[in-house]
């Protein structure tokens, strides 16, 4: 699988990698939107954002290393999800039973 940092032998190689990166960025974008929408609509973060985040990350891992911006986007999305899940857990823990 070609990576964004390699020397391209053909234009098709470059198109393939750019197409893959576009797919990952789309998945990351969907995941981010799902997380934000889900967070706004519910006090507790449900599984929708988590599922999209895992989907985006799985696509990224399956395709191998792509561009640095994509790597950063996936990393930031993962960090945001962790923070939201921690906030969700803290909120659940603070409710008297």
Protein backbone atom coordinates (compact mmCIF):
# COMPACT_ATOMS: atom_id res chain seq x y z
CA UNK A 1 0.00 0.00 0.00
CA UNK A 2 1.54 3.35 -0.96
CA UNK A 3 1.89 6.00 1.73
CA UNK A 4 1.70 9.75 1.42
CA UNK A 5 5.48 10.11 1.90
CA UNK A 6 6.60 7.72 -0.84
CA UNK A 7 7.91 8.53 -4.30
CA UNK A 8 5.05 7.92 -6.72
CA UNK A 9 5.77 5.83 -9.76
CA UNK A 10 2.53 6.69 -11.52
CA UNK A 11 -0.25 9.22 -11.32
CA UNK A 12 -2.53 6.31 -10.41
CA UNK A 13 -0.45 5.67 -7.25
CA UNK A 14 -0.95 9.27 -6.21
CA UNK A 15 -4.69 9.15 -6.99
CA UNK A 16 -5.05 5.97 -4.92
CA UNK A 17 -3.40 7.46 -1.85
CA UNK A 18 -5.25 10.77 -2.10
CA UNK A 19 -8.53 8.90 -2.50
CA UNK A 20 -7.80 6.85 0.61
CA UNK A 21 -6.92 9.94 2.59
CA UNK A 22 -10.15 11.62 1.48
CA UNK A 23 -12.12 8.59 2.69
CA UNK A 24 -10.46 8.72 6.10
CA UNK A 25 -11.04 12.45 6.42
CA UNK A 26 -14.71 11.90 5.55
CA UNK A 27 -14.99 9.22 8.21
CA UNK A 28 -13.27 11.46 10.76
CA UNK A 29 -15.60 14.31 9.85
CA UNK A 30 -18.68 12.11 10.23
CA UNK A 31 -17.38 10.83 13.55
CA UNK A 32 -16.80 14.35 14.83
CA UNK A 33 -20.26 15.48 13.75
CA UNK A 34 -21.88 12.42 15.31
CA UNK A 35 -20.05 13.02 18.58
CA UNK A 36 -20.99 16.70 18.69
CA UNK A 37 -24.64 16.08 17.76
CA UNK A 38 -24.93 13.24 20.22
CA UNK A 39 -23.36 15.31 22.99
CA UNK A 40 -25.72 18.24 22.34
CA UNK A 41 -28.81 16.07 22.25
CA UNK A 42 -28.09 13.94 25.31
CA UNK A 43 -26.51 14.63 28.66
CA UNK A 44 -24.95 11.19 28.50
CA UNK A 45 -22.80 10.39 25.49
CA UNK A 46 -24.29 7.33 23.82
CA UNK A 47 -22.68 4.83 21.50
CA UNK A 48 -23.20 6.71 18.21
CA UNK A 49 -20.08 8.85 18.52
CA UNK A 50 -18.05 5.93 19.79
CA UNK A 51 -19.08 3.74 16.88
CA UNK A 52 -18.22 6.37 14.30
CA UNK A 53 -14.91 7.04 16.01
CA UNK A 54 -14.03 3.35 15.95
CA UNK A 55 -15.13 3.14 12.32
CA UNK A 56 -12.90 6.07 11.35
CA UNK A 57 -9.97 4.68 13.31
CA UNK A 58 -10.41 1.19 11.84
CA UNK A 59 -10.44 2.57 8.31
CA UNK A 60 -7.29 4.53 9.10
CA UNK A 61 -5.48 1.54 10.59
CA UNK A 62 -6.60 -0.80 7.79
CA UNK A 63 -5.29 1.55 5.12
CA UNK A 64 -1.95 2.07 6.81
CA UNK A 65 -0.20 5.38 7.31
CA UNK A 66 -1.64 8.23 5.31
CA UNK A 67 -1.00 11.96 5.51
CA UNK A 68 0.06 13.77 8.66
CA UNK A 69 -3.11 15.86 8.73
CA UNK A 70 -5.20 12.71 8.69
CA UNK A 71 -3.14 11.17 11.48
CA UNK A 72 -3.57 14.34 13.53
CA UNK A 73 -7.32 14.44 12.88
CA UNK A 74 -7.78 10.82 13.96
CA UNK A 75 -5.63 11.42 17.06
CA UNK A 76 -7.56 14.55 18.05
CA UNK A 77 -10.87 12.77 17.50
CA UNK A 78 -9.75 9.91 19.74
CA UNK A 79 -8.66 12.36 22.43
CA UNK A 80 -11.98 14.21 22.22
CA UNK A 81 -13.89 10.94 22.54
CA UNK A 82 -11.84 9.96 25.62
CA UNK A 83 -12.54 13.34 27.24
CA UNK A 84 -16.26 13.10 26.48
CA UNK A 85 -16.45 9.56 27.84
CA UNK A 86 -14.62 10.64 31.02
CA UNK A 87 -16.99 13.60 31.46
CA UNK A 88 -19.95 11.29 30.86
CA UNK A 89 -18.67 8.83 33.49
CA UNK A 90 -18.01 11.62 36.00
CA UNK A 91 -21.53 12.92 35.48
CA UNK A 92 -23.05 9.45 35.93
CA UNK A 93 -20.98 8.95 39.09
CA UNK A 94 -22.16 12.27 40.55
CA UNK A 95 -25.87 11.39 40.37
CA UNK A 96 -27.16 10.10 43.73
CA UNK A 97 -28.58 6.62 43.56
